[in-house]
Amino acid sequence: MAVSANTDPRVLFEVDRDTRIATITLNNPERRNSYDASMRDALERCLDTVADDDDLTVVLLRGADGIFSTGADMNNAYGWYGEAAAPAGAKRSRPSQRRRLTVDRKTFGFYHNLMGFPKVTVGEIGGYALGGGFEMALMMDIAVVGRDTRLGMPATRFLGPALGSLHLFFHRLGPVLARRMLLTGDIMTAGELEHLGVFTETCEPQAIGARARYWAAKAAKMPADGVVIAKEAFRLVEAAQAYQGEEVCSYLFHAYGTNLQFAPGEFNFVKTRAEHGTREAFRLRDEHFHVPEPEV
């Protein structure tokens, strides 16, 4: 049954009270389900609705058209910081560090709350899970991922490697893989990571939806009070053993990382986009960072 938890058509919200499962669908397929601040806030409102509903035990998070999410919409990178339009002919100023910190603290608060969400979270992860989409995939209690799903943090190539929930990457992926992905911006397939057990299940693309619903149904059979108590226990254990103090470091370094100064020969995405447009900027980015494999 479709219900109204928000008015943003880019986030769909459905509740099945018979199964105790809520489904949230990121519905921005023309932009590969990337999101801006408004869309993320709509997602947060849906999650709050589930958290406050005693009759729901599981939330299934997915993306429209078989694509999970490519993360924050980089078509308007500084728009996240509420950059005001400059007068005609005037150069727009870069967001201040205090503005960056204020916004990033809120952004990382969203991820913090998702990781400690009081109901079971199940992710249906297909197509792409990049940037914030990759972070959300890693935060799911149960994640079903297609073997061909492309994963990574490509924005590190123009915002630097200190990007995103660093504590999450190091504890979910391990320090070696986390460094590799953050220091190169490499995009990998879920199949390449399957042997590491990063996700609950890795399967063929056509099976993702059915397998995600299967896991959601299994988790929904659990006693609701027990689930909530367990989720708080899990959150406490992770905070005590792994994450203590590290979340603050993540948003601090992210805020500083959005204010890089680029040396000659380094790729400046924002400048390139302003000169050539978003699509061409992405093409030039990939061209700049391409290093051919050595011939053996």
C-alpha atoms as a PDB file:
ATOM      1  CA  MET A   1       0.000   0.000   0.000  1.00  0.00           C
ATOM      2  CA  ALA A   2       1.425   3.363  -1.013  1.00  0.00           C
ATOM      3  CA  VAL A   3       1.474   5.930   1.771  1.00  0.00           C
ATOM      4  CA  SER A   4       2.400   9.590   1.911  1.00  0.00           C
ATOM      5  CA  ALA A   5       5.478  10.212   4.038  1.00  0.00           C
ATOM      6  CA  ASN A   6       6.747  13.077   1.879  1.00  0.00           C
ATOM      7  CA  THR A   7       5.814  15.096  -1.173  1.00  0.00           C
ATOM      8  CA  ASP A   8       8.975  14.495  -3.224  1.00  0.00           C
ATOM      9  CA  PRO A   9       8.144  12.175  -6.164  1.00  0.00           C
ATOM     10  CA  ARG A  10      11.808  11.170  -6.326  1.00  0.00           C
ATOM     11  CA  VAL A  11      11.348   9.096  -3.159  1.00  0.00           C
ATOM     12  CA  LEU A  12       8.565   6.484  -3.172  1.00  0.00           C
ATOM     13  CA  PHE A  13       7.268   4.998   0.053  1.00  0.00           C
ATOM     14  CA  GLU A  14       5.136   1.882   0.472  1.00  0.00           C
ATOM     15  CA  VAL A  15       3.992  -0.052   3.524  1.00  0.00           C
ATOM     16  CA  ASP A  16       2.801  -3.651   3.720  1.00  0.00           C
ATOM     17  CA  ARG A  17       1.366  -4.068   7.194  1.00  0.00           C
ATOM     18  CA  ASP A  18       0.646  -7.764   6.655  1.00  0.00           C
ATOM     19  CA  THR A  19       4.360  -8.472   6.261  1.00  0.00           C
ATOM     20  CA  ARG A  20       5.552  -5.571   8.495  1.00  0.00           C
ATOM     21  CA  ILE A  21       7.821  -4.360   5.679  1.00  0.00           C
ATOM     22  CA  ALA A  22       8.175  -0.795   4.373  1.00  0.00           C
ATOM     23  CA  THR A  23       9.770  -0.196   0.971  1.00  0.00           C
ATOM     24  CA  ILE A  24      11.581   3.018   0.060  1.00  0.00           C
ATOM     25  CA  THR A  25      12.510   3.504  -3.595  1.00  0.00           C
ATOM     26  CA  LEU A  26      14.920   6.162  -4.814  1.00  0.00           C
ATOM     27  CA  ASN A  27      13.080   7.340  -7.897  1.00  0.00           C
ATOM     28  CA  ASN A  28      15.410   9.560  -9.888  1.00  0.00           C
ATOM     29  CA  PRO A  29      16.410   7.116 -12.650  1.00  0.00           C
ATOM     30  CA  GLU A  30      17.308   9.728 -15.266  1.00  0.00           C
ATOM     31  CA  ARG A  31      20.177  10.699 -12.941  1.00  0.00           C
ATOM     32  CA  ARG A  32      20.921   7.102 -11.889  1.00  0.00           C
ATOM     33  CA  ASN A  33      19.103   7.765  -8.606  1.00  0.00           C
ATOM     34  CA  SER A  34      21.597  10.348  -7.441  1.00  0.00           C
ATOM     35  CA  TYR A  35      20.191  12.730  -4.850  1.00  0.00           C
ATOM     36  CA  ASP A  36      20.401  16.348  -3.798  1.00  0.00           C
ATOM     37  CA  ALA A  37      19.837  17.677  -0.267  1.00  0.00           C
ATOM     38  CA  SER A  38      16.065  17.919  -0.754  1.00  0.00           C
ATOM     39  CA  MET A  39      15.788  14.324  -1.962  1.00  0.00           C
ATOM     40  CA  ARG A  40      17.952  13.092   0.912  1.00  0.00           C
ATOM     41  CA  ASP A  41      15.711  14.955   3.362  1.00  0.00           C
ATOM     42  CA  ALA A  42      12.674  13.218   1.817  1.00  0.00           C
ATOM     43  CA  LEU A  43      14.413   9.861   2.309  1.00  0.00           C
ATOM     44  CA  GLU A  44      15.094  10.816   5.918  1.00  0.00           C
ATOM     45  CA  ARG A  45      11.415  11.641   6.492  1.00  0.00           C
ATOM     46  CA  CYS A  46      10.426   8.204   5.183  1.00  0.00           C
ATOM     47  CA  LEU A  47      12.933   6.521   7.482  1.00  0.00           C
ATOM     48  CA  ASP A  48      11.627   8.528  10.433  1.00  0.00           C
ATOM     49  CA  THR A  49       8.107   7.335   9.613  1.00  0.00           C
ATOM     50  CA  VAL A  50       9.269   3.714   9.706  1.00  0.00           C
ATOM     51  CA  ALA A  51      11.224   4.245  12.919  1.00  0.00           C
ATOM     52  CA  ASP A  52       8.148   5.695  14.634  1.00  0.00           C
ATOM     53  CA  ASP A  53       5.752   2.965  13.470  1.00  0.00           C
ATOM     54  CA  ASP A  54       5.512   0.097  15.979  1.00  0.00           C
ATOM     55  CA  ASP A  55       3.890  -2.137  13.371  1.00  0.00           C
ATOM     56  CA  LEU A  56       6.884  -2.107  11.016  1.00  0.00           C
ATOM     57  CA  THR A  57       9.999  -4.229  11.527  1.00  0.00           C
ATOM     58  CA  VAL A  58      11.911  -3.981   8.248  1.00  0.00           C
ATOM     59  CA  VAL A  59      12.660  -1.294   5.683  1.00  0.00           C
ATOM     60  CA  LEU A  60      13.728  -2.349   2.180  1.00  0.00           C
ATOM     61  CA  LEU A  61      15.785   0.332   0.432  1.00  0.00           C
ATOM     62  CA  ARG A  62      16.105   0.127  -3.342  1.00  0.00           C
ATOM     63  CA  GLY A  63      16.464   2.218  -6.490  1.00  0.00           C
ATOM     64  CA  ALA A  64      14.201   2.558  -9.514  1.00  0.00           C
ATOM     65  CA  ASP A  65      15.072   0.859 -12.810  1.00  0.00           C
ATOM     66  CA  GLY A  66      17.521  -1.577 -11.230  1.00  0.00           C
ATOM     67  CA  ILE A  67      20.012   1.098 -10.174  1.00  0.00           C
ATOM     68  CA  PHE A  68      20.595   1.672  -6.469  1.00  0.00           C
ATOM     69  CA  SER A  69      22.223   5.121  -6.357  1.00  0.00           C
ATOM     70  CA  THR A  70      25.228   7.017  -7.684  1.00  0.00           C
ATOM     71  CA  GLY A  71      25.241   9.150  -4.526  1.00  0.00           C
ATOM     72  CA  ALA A  72      25.213  12.920  -4.271  1.00  0.00           C
ATOM     73  CA  ASP A  73      24.292  14.704  -7.484  1.00  0.00           C
ATOM     74  CA  MET A  74      27.588  16.199  -8.663  1.00  0.00           C
ATOM     75  CA  ASN A  75      25.827  18.326 -11.271  1.00  0.00           C
ATOM     76  CA  ASN A  76      25.654  20.976  -8.557  1.00  0.00           C
ATOM     77  CA  ALA A  77      28.556  20.130  -6.262  1.00  0.00           C
ATOM     78  CA  TYR A  78      28.596  23.307  -4.197  1.00  0.00           C
ATOM     79  CA  GLY A  79      24.806  23.527  -4.183  1.00  0.00           C
ATOM     80  CA  TRP A  80      24.937  21.283  -1.125  1.00  0.00           C
ATOM     81  CA  TYR A  81      26.346  24.242   0.763  1.00  0.00           C
ATOM     82  CA  GLY A  82      23.525  26.593  -0.185  1.00  0.00           C
ATOM     83  CA  GLU A  83      25.645  28.678  -2.499  1.00  0.00           C
ATOM     84  CA  ALA A  84      23.758  31.854  -3.326  1.00  0.00           C
ATOM     85  CA  ALA A  85      23.565  33.005  -6.915  1.00  0.00           C
ATOM     86  CA  ALA A  86      26.087  35.745  -7.678  1.00  0.00           C
ATOM     87  CA  PRO A  87      25.028  39.081  -9.246  1.00  0.00           C
ATOM     88  CA  ALA A  88      25.287  39.254 -13.014  1.00  0.00           C
ATOM     89  CA  GLY A  89      28.904  39.336 -14.080  1.00  0.00           C
ATOM     90  CA  ALA A  90      30.233  38.678 -10.574  1.00  0.00           C
ATOM     91  CA  LYS A  91      32.308  35.670  -9.667  1.00  0.00           C
ATOM     92  CA  ARG A  92      30.635  33.295  -7.239  1.00  0.00           C
ATOM     93  CA  SER A  93      32.518  32.866  -3.984  1.00  0.00           C
ATOM     94  CA  ARG A  94      33.542  29.497  -2.616  1.00  0.00           C
ATOM     95  CA  PRO A  95      31.644  28.297   0.460  1.00  0.00           C
ATOM     96  CA  SER A  96      33.379  29.177   3.731  1.00  0.00           C
ATOM     97  CA  GLN A  97      34.834  26.466   5.953  1.00  0.00           C
ATOM     98  CA  ARG A  98      32.234  27.244   8.627  1.00  0.00           C
ATOM     99  CA  ARG A  99      29.482  26.713   6.051  1.00  0.00           C
ATOM    100  CA  ARG A 100      31.035  23.457   4.879  1.00  0.00           C
ATOM    101  CA  LEU A 101      31.298  22.152   8.444  1.00  0.00           C
ATOM    102  CA  THR A 102      27.705  23.103   9.257  1.00  0.00           C
ATOM    103  CA  VAL A 103      26.321  21.311   6.210  1.00  0.00           C
ATOM    104  CA  ASP A 104      28.625  18.282   6.465  1.00  0.00           C
ATOM    105  CA  ARG A 105      27.765  17.796  10.115  1.00  0.00           C
ATOM    106  CA  LYS A 106      24.105  17.492   9.098  1.00  0.00           C
ATOM    107  CA  THR A 107      24.907  15.240   6.142  1.00  0.00           C
ATOM    108  CA  PHE A 108      26.952  12.854   8.244  1.00  0.00           C
ATOM    109  CA  GLY A 109      24.211  12.938  10.871  1.00  0.00           C
ATOM    110  CA  PHE A 110      21.944  11.347   8.247  1.00  0.00           C
ATOM    111  CA  TYR A 111      24.441   8.533   7.632  1.00  0.00           C
ATOM    112  CA  HIS A 112      24.997   8.087  11.381  1.00  0.00           C
ATOM    113  CA  ASN A 113      21.258   7.664  11.927  1.00  0.00           C
ATOM    114  CA  LEU A 114      20.937   5.265   8.988  1.00  0.00           C
ATOM    115  CA  MET A 115      23.748   3.068  10.291  1.00  0.00           C
ATOM    116  CA  GLY A 116      22.064   2.945  13.710  1.00  0.00           C
ATOM    117  CA  PHE A 117      18.517   2.713  12.369  1.00  0.00           C
ATOM    118  CA  PRO A 118      16.247   0.942  14.915  1.00  0.00           C
ATOM    119  CA  LYS A 119      14.583  -1.383  12.398  1.00  0.00           C
ATOM    120  CA  VAL A 120      16.185  -3.976  10.120  1.00  0.00           C
ATOM    121  CA  THR A 121      17.509  -2.385   6.926  1.00  0.00           C
ATOM    122  CA  VAL A 122      17.674  -4.492   3.761  1.00  0.00           C
ATOM    123  CA  GLY A 123      19.364  -3.141   0.653  1.00  0.00           C
ATOM    124  CA  GLU A 124      18.493  -4.149  -2.917  1.00  0.00           C
ATOM    125  CA  ILE A 125      21.743  -3.065  -4.552  1.00  0.00           C
ATOM    126  CA  GLY A 126      21.866  -3.212  -8.339  1.00  0.00           C
ATOM    127  CA  GLY A 127      23.517  -1.351 -11.197  1.00  0.00           C
ATOM    128  CA  TYR A 128      25.535   1.293  -9.415  1.00  0.00           C
ATOM    129  CA  ALA A 129      26.280   2.055  -5.766  1.00  0.00           C
ATOM    130  CA  LEU A 130      28.712   4.949  -5.900  1.00  0.00           C
ATOM    131  CA  GLY A 131      29.625   7.691  -3.451  1.00  0.00           C
ATOM    132  CA  GLY A 132      26.836   8.104  -0.930  1.00  0.00           C
ATOM    133  CA  GLY A 133      25.082   5.164  -2.591  1.00  0.00           C
ATOM    134  CA  PHE A 134      28.092   2.979  -1.760  1.00  0.00           C
ATOM    135  CA  GLU A 135      28.056   4.232   1.827  1.00  0.00           C
ATOM    136  CA  MET A 136      24.359   3.418   2.191  1.00  0.00           C
ATOM    137  CA  ALA A 137      24.916  -0.052   0.725  1.00  0.00           C
ATOM    138  CA  LEU A 138      27.649  -0.723   3.289  1.00  0.00           C
ATOM    139  CA  MET A 139      25.368   0.512   6.094  1.00  0.00           C
ATOM    140  CA  MET A 140      22.588  -1.976   5.393  1.00  0.00           C
ATOM    141  CA  ASP A 141      22.039  -4.726   7.963  1.00  0.00           C
ATOM    142  CA  ILE A 142      21.376  -7.099   5.079  1.00  0.00           C
ATOM    143  CA  ALA A 143      22.552  -6.235   1.576  1.00  0.00           C
ATOM    144  CA  VAL A 144      21.808  -8.198  -1.589  1.00  0.00           C
ATOM    145  CA  VAL A 145      24.108  -7.065  -4.386  1.00  0.00           C
ATOM    146  CA  GLY A 146      24.318  -8.031  -8.040  1.00  0.00           C
ATOM    147  CA  ARG A 147      27.694  -9.366  -9.110  1.00  0.00           C
ATOM    148  CA  ASP A 148      27.911  -6.745 -11.839  1.00  0.00           C
ATOM    149  CA  THR A 149      26.972  -3.846  -9.534  1.00  0.00           C
ATOM    150  CA  ARG A 150      29.634  -1.141  -9.752  1.00  0.00           C
ATOM    151  CA  LEU A 151      30.876   0.082  -6.377  1.00  0.00           C
ATOM    152  CA  GLY A 152      33.240   2.833  -5.303  1.00  0.00           C
ATOM    153  CA  MET A 153      33.963   6.436  -4.384  1.00  0.00           C
ATOM    154  CA  PRO A 154      34.909   8.061  -7.716  1.00  0.00           C
ATOM    155  CA  ALA A 155      34.495  11.550  -6.234  1.00  0.00           C
ATOM    156  CA  THR A 156      37.805  11.032  -4.409  1.00  0.00           C
ATOM    157  CA  ARG A 157      39.377  11.863  -7.770  1.00  0.00           C
ATOM    158  CA  PHE A 158      38.278  15.461  -7.469  1.00  0.00           C
ATOM    159  CA  LEU A 159      37.660  15.951  -3.734  1.00  0.00           C
ATOM    160  CA  GLY A 160      40.589  13.911  -2.437  1.00  0.00           C
ATOM    161  CA  PRO A 161      40.774  10.537  -0.657  1.00  0.00           C
ATOM    162  CA  ALA A 162      39.555  11.862   2.740  1.00  0.00           C
ATOM    163  CA  LEU A 163      35.984  11.604   1.536  1.00  0.00           C
ATOM    164  CA  GLY A 164      32.919   9.954   3.027  1.00  0.00           C
ATOM    165  CA  SER A 165      32.493   7.829   6.129  1.00  0.00           C
ATOM    166  CA  LEU A 166      36.132   6.854   6.583  1.00  0.00           C
ATOM    167  CA  HIS A 167      35.433   4.806   9.704  1.00  0.00           C
ATOM    168  CA  LEU A 168      32.848   2.772   7.780  1.00  0.00           C
ATOM    169  CA  PHE A 169      35.194   2.015   4.869  1.00  0.00           C
ATOM    170  CA  PHE A 170      38.033   0.861   7.104  1.00  0.00           C
ATOM    171  CA  HIS A 171      35.860  -1.366   9.289  1.00  0.00           C
ATOM    172  CA  ARG A 172      33.633  -2.783   6.552  1.00  0.00           C
ATOM    173  CA  LEU A 173      36.206  -3.170   3.781  1.00  0.00           C
ATOM    174  CA  GLY A 174      39.414  -3.500   5.792  1.00  0.00           C
ATOM    175  CA  PRO A 175      42.346  -1.058   5.688  1.00  0.00           C
ATOM    176  CA  VAL A 176      44.002  -2.462   2.555  1.00  0.00           C
ATOM    177  CA  LEU A 177      40.933  -2.365   0.294  1.00  0.00           C
ATOM    178  CA  ALA A 178      39.741   0.933   1.795  1.00  0.00           C
ATOM    179  CA  ARG A 179      43.059   2.578   0.982  1.00  0.00           C
ATOM    180  CA  ARG A 180      43.102   1.124  -2.512  1.00  0.00           C
ATOM    181  CA  MET A 181      39.602   2.400  -3.351  1.00  0.00           C
ATOM    182  CA  LEU A 182      40.039   5.828  -1.745  1.00  0.00           C
ATOM    183  CA  LEU A 183      43.545   6.525  -3.014  1.00  0.00           C
ATOM    184  CA  THR A 184      42.741   5.590  -6.620  1.00  0.00           C
ATOM    185  CA  GLY A 185      39.012   6.277  -6.992  1.00  0.00           C
ATOM    186  CA  ASP A 186      38.752   2.829  -8.598  1.00  0.00           C
ATOM    187  CA  ILE A 187      35.291   1.441  -9.264  1.00  0.00           C
ATOM    188  CA  MET A 188      35.013  -2.296  -8.632  1.00  0.00           C
ATOM    189  CA  THR A 189      32.249  -4.816  -9.196  1.00  0.00           C
ATOM    190  CA  ALA A 190      30.593  -6.634  -6.329  1.00  0.00           C
ATOM    191  CA  GLY A 191      31.789  -9.870  -7.891  1.00  0.00           C
ATOM    192  CA  GLU A 192      35.384  -8.792  -7.287  1.00  0.00           C
ATOM    193  CA  LEU A 193      34.606  -8.337  -3.569  1.00  0.00           C
ATOM    194  CA  GLU A 194      32.424 -11.418  -3.152  1.00  0.00           C
ATOM    195  CA  HIS A 195      35.145 -13.509  -1.511  1.00  0.00           C
ATOM    196  CA  LEU A 196      35.558 -10.889   1.227  1.00  0.00           C
ATOM    197  CA  GLY A 197      32.021 -11.277   2.567  1.00  0.00           C
ATOM    198  CA  VAL A 198      31.396  -7.526   2.534  1.00  0.00           C
ATOM    199  CA  PHE A 199      27.717  -8.028   1.685  1.00  0.00           C
ATOM    200  CA  THR A 200      25.140 -10.543   2.897  1.00  0.00           C
ATOM    201  CA  GLU A 201      24.616 -12.066  -0.519  1.00  0.00           C
ATOM    202  CA  THR A 202      26.037 -11.521  -3.990  1.00  0.00           C
ATOM    203  CA  CYS A 203      23.907 -12.882  -6.811  1.00  0.00           C
ATOM    204  CA  GLU A 204      23.103 -12.606 -10.492  1.00  0.00           C
ATOM    205  CA  PRO A 205      21.507  -9.273 -11.473  1.00  0.00           C
ATOM    206  CA  GLN A 206      18.117 -10.740 -12.348  1.00  0.00           C
ATOM    207  CA  ALA A 207      17.781 -12.261  -8.857  1.00  0.00           C
ATOM    208  CA  ILE A 208      18.476  -9.142  -6.771  1.00  0.00           C
ATOM    209  CA  GLY A 209      14.859  -8.089  -6.227  1.00  0.00           C
ATOM    210  CA  ALA A 210      13.547 -11.518  -5.287  1.00  0.00           C
ATOM    211  CA  ARG A 211      16.501 -12.252  -3.000  1.00  0.00           C
ATOM    212  CA  ALA A 212      16.178  -8.885  -1.235  1.00  0.00           C
ATOM    213  CA  ARG A 213      12.462  -9.486  -0.605  1.00  0.00           C
ATOM    214  CA  TYR A 214      13.306 -12.983   0.680  1.00  0.00           C
ATOM    215  CA  TRP A 215      15.719 -11.580   3.266  1.00  0.00           C
ATOM    216  CA  ALA A 216      13.265  -8.830   4.213  1.00  0.00           C
ATOM    217  CA  ALA A 217      10.547 -11.439   4.802  1.00  0.00           C
ATOM    218  CA  LYS A 218      12.881 -13.542   6.959  1.00  0.00           C
ATOM    219  CA  ALA A 219      13.886 -10.573   9.117  1.00  0.00           C
ATOM    220  CA  ALA A 220      10.251  -9.438   9.437  1.00  0.00           C
ATOM    221  CA  LYS A 221       9.406 -12.742  11.149  1.00  0.00           C
ATOM    222  CA  MET A 222      11.586 -11.764  14.116  1.00  0.00           C
ATOM    223  CA  PRO A 223       9.993 -10.288  17.279  1.00  0.00           C
ATOM    224  CA  ALA A 224       9.776  -6.526  16.770  1.00  0.00           C
ATOM    225  CA  ASP A 225      10.813  -5.606  20.315  1.00  0.00           C
ATOM    226  CA  GLY A 226      13.763  -7.969  20.087  1.00  0.00           C
ATOM    227  CA  VAL A 227      14.886  -6.404  16.822  1.00  0.00           C
ATOM    228  CA  VAL A 228      14.863  -2.881  18.249  1.00  0.00           C
ATOM    229  CA  ILE A 229      16.781  -3.975  21.342  1.00  0.00           C
ATOM    230  CA  ALA A 230      19.300  -5.849  19.204  1.00  0.00           C
ATOM    231  CA  LYS A 231      19.831  -2.898  16.874  1.00  0.00           C
ATOM    232  CA  GLU A 232      20.643  -0.641  19.820  1.00  0.00           C
ATOM    233  CA  ALA A 233      22.993  -3.317  21.171  1.00  0.00           C
ATOM    234  CA  PHE A 234      24.714  -3.609  17.783  1.00  0.00           C
ATOM    235  CA  ARG A 235      25.086   0.172  17.656  1.00  0.00           C
ATOM    236  CA  LEU A 236      26.638   0.280  21.117  1.00  0.00           C
ATOM    237  CA  VAL A 237      29.087  -2.518  20.348  1.00  0.00           C
ATOM    238  CA  GLU A 238      30.220  -0.913  17.101  1.00  0.00           C
ATOM    239  CA  ALA A 239      30.530   2.522  18.696  1.00  0.00           C
ATOM    240  CA  ALA A 240      32.571   1.148  21.574  1.00  0.00           C
ATOM    241  CA  GLN A 241      34.820  -1.133  19.553  1.00  0.00           C
ATOM    242  CA  ALA A 242      35.194   0.600  16.221  1.00  0.00           C
ATOM    243  CA  TYR A 243      33.665   3.996  15.673  1.00  0.00           C
ATOM    244  CA  GLN A 244      34.355   5.984  18.826  1.00  0.00           C
ATOM    245  CA  GLY A 245      35.373   9.491  17.784  1.00  0.00           C
ATOM    246  CA  GLU A 246      35.883   8.506  14.171  1.00  0.00           C
ATOM    247  CA  GLU A 247      32.608   9.898  12.816  1.00  0.00           C
ATOM    248  CA  VAL A 248      33.690  13.415  13.734  1.00  0.00           C
ATOM    249  CA  CYS A 249      36.911  12.910  11.777  1.00  0.00           C
ATOM    250  CA  SER A 250      34.902  11.864   8.714  1.00  0.00           C
ATOM    251  CA  TYR A 251      32.877  15.044   8.355  1.00  0.00           C
ATOM    252  CA  LEU A 252      35.770  17.301   9.367  1.00  0.00           C
ATOM    253  CA  PHE A 253      38.025  15.921   6.652  1.00  0.00           C
ATOM    254  CA  HIS A 254      35.174  15.887   4.136  1.00  0.00           C
ATOM    255  CA  ALA A 255      34.553  19.586   4.731  1.00  0.00           C
ATOM    256  CA  TYR A 256      38.238  20.418   4.324  1.00  0.00           C
ATOM    257  CA  GLY A 257      38.462  18.175   1.268  1.00  0.00           C
ATOM    258  CA  THR A 258      35.865  20.236  -0.588  1.00  0.00           C
ATOM    259  CA  ASN A 259      38.245  23.214  -0.423  1.00  0.00           C
ATOM    260  CA  LEU A 260      41.260  21.746  -2.197  1.00  0.00           C
ATOM    261  CA  GLN A 261      43.710  23.859  -4.165  1.00  0.00           C
ATOM    262  CA  PHE A 262      44.743  22.115  -7.360  1.00  0.00           C
ATOM    263  CA  ALA A 263      48.297  22.213  -8.669  1.00  0.00           C
ATOM    264  CA  PRO A 264      49.011  22.546 -12.411  1.00  0.00           C
ATOM    265  CA  GLY A 265      48.256  19.269 -14.155  1.00  0.00           C
ATOM    266  CA  GLU A 266      45.802  18.060 -11.494  1.00  0.00           C
ATOM    267  CA  PHE A 267      42.197  17.506 -12.485  1.00  0.00           C
ATOM    268  CA  ASN A 268      39.803  20.163 -11.153  1.00  0.00           C
ATOM    269  CA  PHE A 269      36.287  18.819 -11.672  1.00  0.00           C
ATOM    270  CA  VAL A 270      34.401  21.968 -10.669  1.00  0.00           C
ATOM    271  CA  LYS A 271      36.456  24.172 -12.996  1.00  0.00           C
ATOM    272  CA  THR A 272      36.245  21.649 -15.836  1.00  0.00           C
ATOM    273  CA  ARG A 273      32.492  21.331 -15.429  1.00  0.00           C
ATOM    274  CA  ALA A 274      32.074  25.102 -15.534  1.00  0.00           C
ATOM    275  CA  GLU A 275      34.044  25.224 -18.802  1.00  0.00           C
ATOM    276  CA  HIS A 276      32.770  22.113 -20.570  1.00  0.00           C
ATOM    277  CA  GLY A 277      29.554  20.985 -18.868  1.00  0.00           C
ATOM    278  CA  THR A 278      28.899  18.017 -16.581  1.00  0.00           C
ATOM    279  CA  ARG A 279      28.877  15.189 -19.126  1.00  0.00           C
ATOM    280  CA  GLU A 280      32.143  16.282 -20.740  1.00  0.00           C
ATOM    281  CA  ALA A 281      33.704  16.882 -17.316  1.00  0.00           C
ATOM    282  CA  PHE A 282      33.066  13.253 -16.381  1.00  0.00           C
ATOM    283  CA  ARG A 283      34.562  12.072 -19.674  1.00  0.00           C
ATOM    284  CA  LEU A 284      37.654  14.221 -19.153  1.00  0.00           C
ATOM    285  CA  ARG A 285      37.923  13.000 -15.577  1.00  0.00           C
ATOM    286  CA  ASP A 286      37.986   9.370 -16.679  1.00  0.00           C
ATOM    287  CA  GLU A 287      40.478  10.194 -19.415  1.00  0.00           C
ATOM    288  CA  HIS A 288      42.768  11.994 -16.968  1.00  0.00           C
ATOM    289  CA  PHE A 289      42.794   9.162 -14.436  1.00  0.00           C
ATOM    290  CA  HIS A 290      43.108   6.293 -16.912  1.00  0.00           C
ATOM    291  CA  VAL A 291      46.382   4.412 -16.532  1.00  0.00           C
ATOM    292  CA  PRO A 292      46.737   1.399 -18.850  1.00  0.00           C
ATOM    293  CA  GLU A 293      47.638  -1.918 -17.294  1.00  0.00           C
ATOM    294  CA  PRO A 294      51.250  -2.930 -18.007  1.00  0.00           C
ATOM    295  CA  GLU A 295      51.787  -5.566 -20.658  1.00  0.00           C
ATOM    296  CA  VAL A 296      53.319  -8.725 -19.247  1.00  0.00           C
END
